[in-house]
């Protein structure tokens, strides 16, 4: 069973998430031969203030 976990910043609508989930499902069905009923997509919305990304320092 394919399980896709999408981590991103919050702010997308339910309609946008549904469309993205459908496209991911379609790709899994078409390319990987997965059954649609076995394709799971989970969205994890994160506030920008909840994610700390260290500064990239030049070498």
N, C-alpha and C. Protein backbone atom coordinates (compact mmCIF):
# COMPACT_ATOMS: atom_id res chain seq x y z
N UNK A 1 0.85 -1.17 0.00
CA UNK A 1 0.00 0.00 0.00
C UNK A 1 0.89 1.23 0.00
N UNK A 2 0.83 2.08 -1.03
CA UNK A 2 1.59 3.31 -1.04
C UNK A 2 1.02 4.31 -0.04
N UNK A 3 1.92 4.90 0.75
CA UNK A 3 1.55 5.94 1.71
C UNK A 3 2.46 7.13 1.45
N UNK A 4 1.86 8.25 1.03
CA UNK A 4 2.62 9.45 0.72
C UNK A 4 2.32 10.49 1.79
N UNK A 5 3.38 10.99 2.43
CA UNK A 5 3.23 12.00 3.48
C UNK A 5 3.79 13.31 2.95
N UNK A 6 2.93 14.33 2.83
CA UNK A 6 3.32 15.63 2.30
C UNK A 6 3.48 16.59 3.47
N UNK A 7 4.71 17.05 3.69
CA UNK A 7 4.99 18.07 4.71
C UNK A 7 5.16 19.40 3.99
N UNK A 8 4.44 20.41 4.44
CA UNK A 8 4.57 21.72 3.82
C UNK A 8 4.02 22.78 4.75
N UNK A 9 4.22 24.04 4.35
CA UNK A 9 3.67 25.13 5.14
C UNK A 9 2.16 25.18 4.97
N UNK A 10 1.49 25.57 6.03
CA UNK A 10 0.03 25.68 6.00
C UNK A 10 -0.41 26.75 5.00
N UNK A 11 -1.69 26.70 4.64
CA UNK A 11 -2.25 27.74 3.79
C UNK A 11 -2.97 27.25 2.56
N UNK A 12 -2.93 25.94 2.29
CA UNK A 12 -3.65 25.42 1.12
C UNK A 12 -5.08 25.09 1.50
N UNK A 13 -5.97 25.20 0.54
CA UNK A 13 -7.39 24.90 0.79
C UNK A 13 -7.62 23.40 0.71
N UNK A 14 -8.77 22.98 1.22
CA UNK A 14 -9.15 21.57 1.11
C UNK A 14 -9.28 21.16 -0.35
N UNK A 15 -9.75 22.07 -1.19
CA UNK A 15 -9.89 21.77 -2.61
C UNK A 15 -8.51 21.55 -3.25
N UNK A 16 -7.54 22.37 -2.89
CA UNK A 16 -6.18 22.20 -3.42
C UNK A 16 -5.60 20.86 -2.97
N UNK A 17 -5.79 20.53 -1.71
CA UNK A 17 -5.28 19.26 -1.18
C UNK A 17 -5.93 18.08 -1.89
N UNK A 18 -7.23 18.17 -2.13
CA UNK A 18 -7.93 17.08 -2.82
C UNK A 18 -7.38 16.90 -4.23
N UNK A 19 -7.11 17.98 -4.93
CA UNK A 19 -6.58 17.90 -6.30
C UNK A 19 -5.17 17.31 -6.28
N UNK A 20 -4.35 17.74 -5.36
CA UNK A 20 -2.99 17.20 -5.27
C UNK A 20 -3.02 15.72 -4.92
N UNK A 21 -3.87 15.34 -3.97
CA UNK A 21 -3.99 13.94 -3.59
C UNK A 21 -4.44 13.09 -4.78
N UNK A 22 -5.37 13.60 -5.56
CA UNK A 22 -5.85 12.86 -6.74
C UNK A 22 -4.74 12.68 -7.76
N UNK A 23 -3.94 13.70 -7.98
CA UNK A 23 -2.84 13.59 -8.95
C UNK A 23 -1.77 12.62 -8.47
N UNK A 24 -1.48 12.64 -7.16
CA UNK A 24 -0.53 11.67 -6.62
C UNK A 24 -1.08 10.26 -6.79
N UNK A 25 -2.34 10.08 -6.47
CA UNK A 25 -2.98 8.77 -6.63
C UNK A 25 -2.91 8.32 -8.09
N UNK A 26 -3.24 9.21 -9.01
CA UNK A 26 -3.21 8.86 -10.43
C UNK A 26 -1.82 8.39 -10.86
N UNK A 27 -0.78 9.07 -10.37
CA UNK A 27 0.59 8.69 -10.72
C UNK A 27 0.93 7.32 -10.14
N UNK A 28 0.52 7.05 -8.92
CA UNK A 28 0.79 5.76 -8.31
C UNK A 28 0.08 4.63 -9.05
N UNK A 29 -1.12 4.88 -9.49
CA UNK A 29 -1.88 3.89 -10.25
C UNK A 29 -1.25 3.67 -11.62
N UNK A 30 -0.98 4.76 -12.33
CA UNK A 30 -0.46 4.67 -13.70
C UNK A 30 0.96 4.12 -13.75
N UNK A 31 1.84 4.64 -12.92
CA UNK A 31 3.25 4.30 -13.02
C UNK A 31 3.62 3.07 -12.19
N UNK A 32 3.07 2.97 -10.98
CA UNK A 32 3.46 1.88 -10.08
C UNK A 32 2.49 0.71 -10.08
N UNK A 33 1.34 0.88 -10.74
CA UNK A 33 0.37 -0.21 -10.79
C UNK A 33 -0.37 -0.43 -9.48
N UNK A 34 -0.40 0.59 -8.62
CA UNK A 34 -1.10 0.47 -7.33
C UNK A 34 -2.61 0.53 -7.55
N UNK A 35 -3.34 -0.12 -6.67
CA UNK A 35 -4.80 -0.04 -6.70
C UNK A 35 -5.22 1.29 -6.06
N UNK A 36 -6.13 2.03 -6.68
CA UNK A 36 -6.53 3.34 -6.14
C UNK A 36 -6.99 3.28 -4.68
N UNK A 37 -7.68 2.23 -4.31
CA UNK A 37 -8.18 2.13 -2.94
C UNK A 37 -7.07 1.89 -1.91
N UNK A 38 -5.88 1.61 -2.39
CA UNK A 38 -4.75 1.39 -1.49
C UNK A 38 -3.79 2.58 -1.43
N UNK A 39 -4.09 3.65 -2.13
CA UNK A 39 -3.22 4.83 -2.15
C UNK A 39 -3.66 5.81 -1.07
N UNK A 40 -2.76 6.07 -0.15
CA UNK A 40 -3.05 7.01 0.93
C UNK A 40 -2.16 8.23 0.80
N UNK A 41 -2.74 9.42 0.99
CA UNK A 41 -1.98 10.65 0.97
C UNK A 41 -2.33 11.41 2.26
N UNK A 42 -1.30 11.77 3.02
CA UNK A 42 -1.50 12.51 4.26
C UNK A 42 -0.79 13.86 4.15
N UNK A 43 -1.50 14.91 4.51
CA UNK A 43 -0.92 16.25 4.50
C UNK A 43 -0.61 16.68 5.93
N UNK A 44 0.59 17.20 6.13
CA UNK A 44 0.97 17.75 7.42
C UNK A 44 1.30 19.22 7.22
N UNK A 45 0.38 20.07 7.66
CA UNK A 45 0.54 21.51 7.53
C UNK A 45 1.32 22.04 8.73
N UNK A 46 2.35 22.81 8.45
CA UNK A 46 3.21 23.34 9.49
C UNK A 46 3.23 24.86 9.41
N UNK A 47 3.15 25.50 10.56
CA UNK A 47 3.32 26.95 10.60
C UNK A 47 4.77 27.26 10.31
N UNK A 48 5.03 28.33 9.59
CA UNK A 48 6.41 28.70 9.29
C UNK A 48 7.22 28.92 10.57
N UNK A 49 6.56 29.37 11.61
CA UNK A 49 7.27 29.62 12.87
C UNK A 49 7.59 28.33 13.62
N UNK A 50 7.01 27.21 13.20
CA UNK A 50 7.26 25.93 13.86
C UNK A 50 8.41 25.15 13.22
N UNK A 51 9.00 25.70 12.18
CA UNK A 51 10.07 25.00 11.48
C UNK A 51 11.31 25.89 11.46
N UNK A 52 12.36 25.38 12.01
CA UNK A 52 13.62 26.13 12.03
C UNK A 52 14.58 25.46 11.07
N UNK A 53 15.03 26.22 10.08
CA UNK A 53 15.97 25.70 9.10
C UNK A 53 17.29 26.44 9.34
N UNK A 54 18.34 25.68 9.66
CA UNK A 54 19.62 26.36 9.92
C UNK A 54 20.12 27.09 8.69
N UNK A 55 20.79 28.18 8.94
CA UNK A 55 21.37 28.97 7.87
C UNK A 55 22.41 28.14 7.14
N UNK A 56 22.41 28.23 5.83
CA UNK A 56 23.42 27.53 5.04
C UNK A 56 24.67 28.39 5.04
N UNK A 57 25.74 27.82 5.55
CA UNK A 57 27.00 28.57 5.65
C UNK A 57 27.94 28.16 4.54
N UNK A 58 28.52 29.14 3.87
CA UNK A 58 29.49 28.80 2.80
C UNK A 58 30.73 28.15 3.41
N UNK A 59 31.33 27.28 2.66
CA UNK A 59 32.54 26.60 3.14
C UNK A 59 33.76 27.43 2.94
